[in-house]
């Protein structure tokens, strides 16, 4: 059951990441925007290990 909850949380985080990525305008993206997205990926990776 706990693993199912973790998988659901990761799915939600991944969807949030994809939504933010879709909204990001490449020509207007700042370093902070990219750093925030990288941090989200790193957090998801940590939860998988």
C-alpha atoms as a PDB file:
ATOM      1  CA  UNK A   1       0.000   0.000   0.000  1.00  0.00           C
ATOM      2  CA  UNK A   2       2.775   2.451   0.909  1.00  0.00           C
ATOM      3  CA  UNK A   3       4.477   1.784  -2.409  1.00  0.00           C
ATOM      4  CA  UNK A   4       1.209   2.554  -4.232  1.00  0.00           C
ATOM      5  CA  UNK A   5       1.013   5.892  -2.427  1.00  0.00           C
ATOM      6  CA  UNK A   6       4.609   6.688  -3.397  1.00  0.00           C
ATOM      7  CA  UNK A   7       3.920   5.822  -7.022  1.00  0.00           C
ATOM      8  CA  UNK A   8       0.826   8.026  -7.024  1.00  0.00           C
ATOM      9  CA  UNK A   9       2.815  10.901  -5.537  1.00  0.00           C
ATOM     10  CA  UNK A  10       5.521  10.476  -8.160  1.00  0.00           C
ATOM     11  CA  UNK A  11       2.931  10.440 -10.921  1.00  0.00           C
ATOM     12  CA  UNK A  12       1.464  13.696  -9.621  1.00  0.00           C
ATOM     13  CA  UNK A  13       4.899  15.287  -9.402  1.00  0.00           C
ATOM     14  CA  UNK A  14       5.755  14.152 -12.912  1.00  0.00           C
ATOM     15  CA  UNK A  15       2.500  15.571 -14.227  1.00  0.00           C
ATOM     16  CA  UNK A  16       3.221  18.844 -12.445  1.00  0.00           C
ATOM     17  CA  UNK A  17       6.689  18.898 -13.989  1.00  0.00           C
ATOM     18  CA  UNK A  18       5.302  18.258 -17.465  1.00  0.00           C
ATOM     19  CA  UNK A  19       2.695  21.002 -17.027  1.00  0.00           C
ATOM     20  CA  UNK A  20       5.351  23.490 -15.983  1.00  0.00           C
ATOM     21  CA  UNK A  21       7.545  22.443 -18.881  1.00  0.00           C
ATOM     22  CA  UNK A  22       4.678  22.944 -21.335  1.00  0.00           C
ATOM     23  CA  UNK A  23       4.008  26.443 -19.978  1.00  0.00           C
ATOM     24  CA  UNK A  24       7.655  27.456 -20.133  1.00  0.00           C
ATOM     25  CA  UNK A  25       8.419  29.864 -22.947  1.00  0.00           C
ATOM     26  CA  UNK A  26      11.975  28.992 -24.089  1.00  0.00           C
ATOM     27  CA  UNK A  27      12.844  32.528 -25.128  1.00  0.00           C
ATOM     28  CA  UNK A  28      11.719  33.896 -21.754  1.00  0.00           C
ATOM     29  CA  UNK A  29      12.939  31.114 -19.451  1.00  0.00           C
ATOM     30  CA  UNK A  30      15.252  32.230 -16.708  1.00  0.00           C
ATOM     31  CA  UNK A  31      18.012  30.308 -15.004  1.00  0.00           C
ATOM     32  CA  UNK A  32      15.757  30.107 -11.955  1.00  0.00           C
ATOM     33  CA  UNK A  33      13.003  28.459 -14.025  1.00  0.00           C
ATOM     34  CA  UNK A  34      15.400  25.807 -15.273  1.00  0.00           C
ATOM     35  CA  UNK A  35      16.872  25.310 -11.789  1.00  0.00           C
ATOM     36  CA  UNK A  36      13.379  24.789 -10.353  1.00  0.00           C
ATOM     37  CA  UNK A  37      12.603  22.128 -12.961  1.00  0.00           C
ATOM     38  CA  UNK A  38      15.922  20.387 -12.335  1.00  0.00           C
ATOM     39  CA  UNK A  39      15.191  20.395  -8.612  1.00  0.00           C
ATOM     40  CA  UNK A  40      11.825  18.726  -9.234  1.00  0.00           C
ATOM     41  CA  UNK A  41      13.529  15.976 -11.237  1.00  0.00           C
ATOM     42  CA  UNK A  42      16.160  15.481  -8.543  1.00  0.00           C
ATOM     43  CA  UNK A  43      13.460  15.181  -5.866  1.00  0.00           C
ATOM     44  CA  UNK A  44      11.660  12.553  -7.910  1.00  0.00           C
ATOM     45  CA  UNK A  45      14.906  10.619  -8.400  1.00  0.00           C
ATOM     46  CA  UNK A  46      15.589  10.637  -4.651  1.00  0.00           C
ATOM     47  CA  UNK A  47      12.163   9.201  -3.938  1.00  0.00           C
ATOM     48  CA  UNK A  48      12.816   6.347  -6.343  1.00  0.00           C
ATOM     49  CA  UNK A  49      15.973   5.245  -4.554  1.00  0.00           C
END
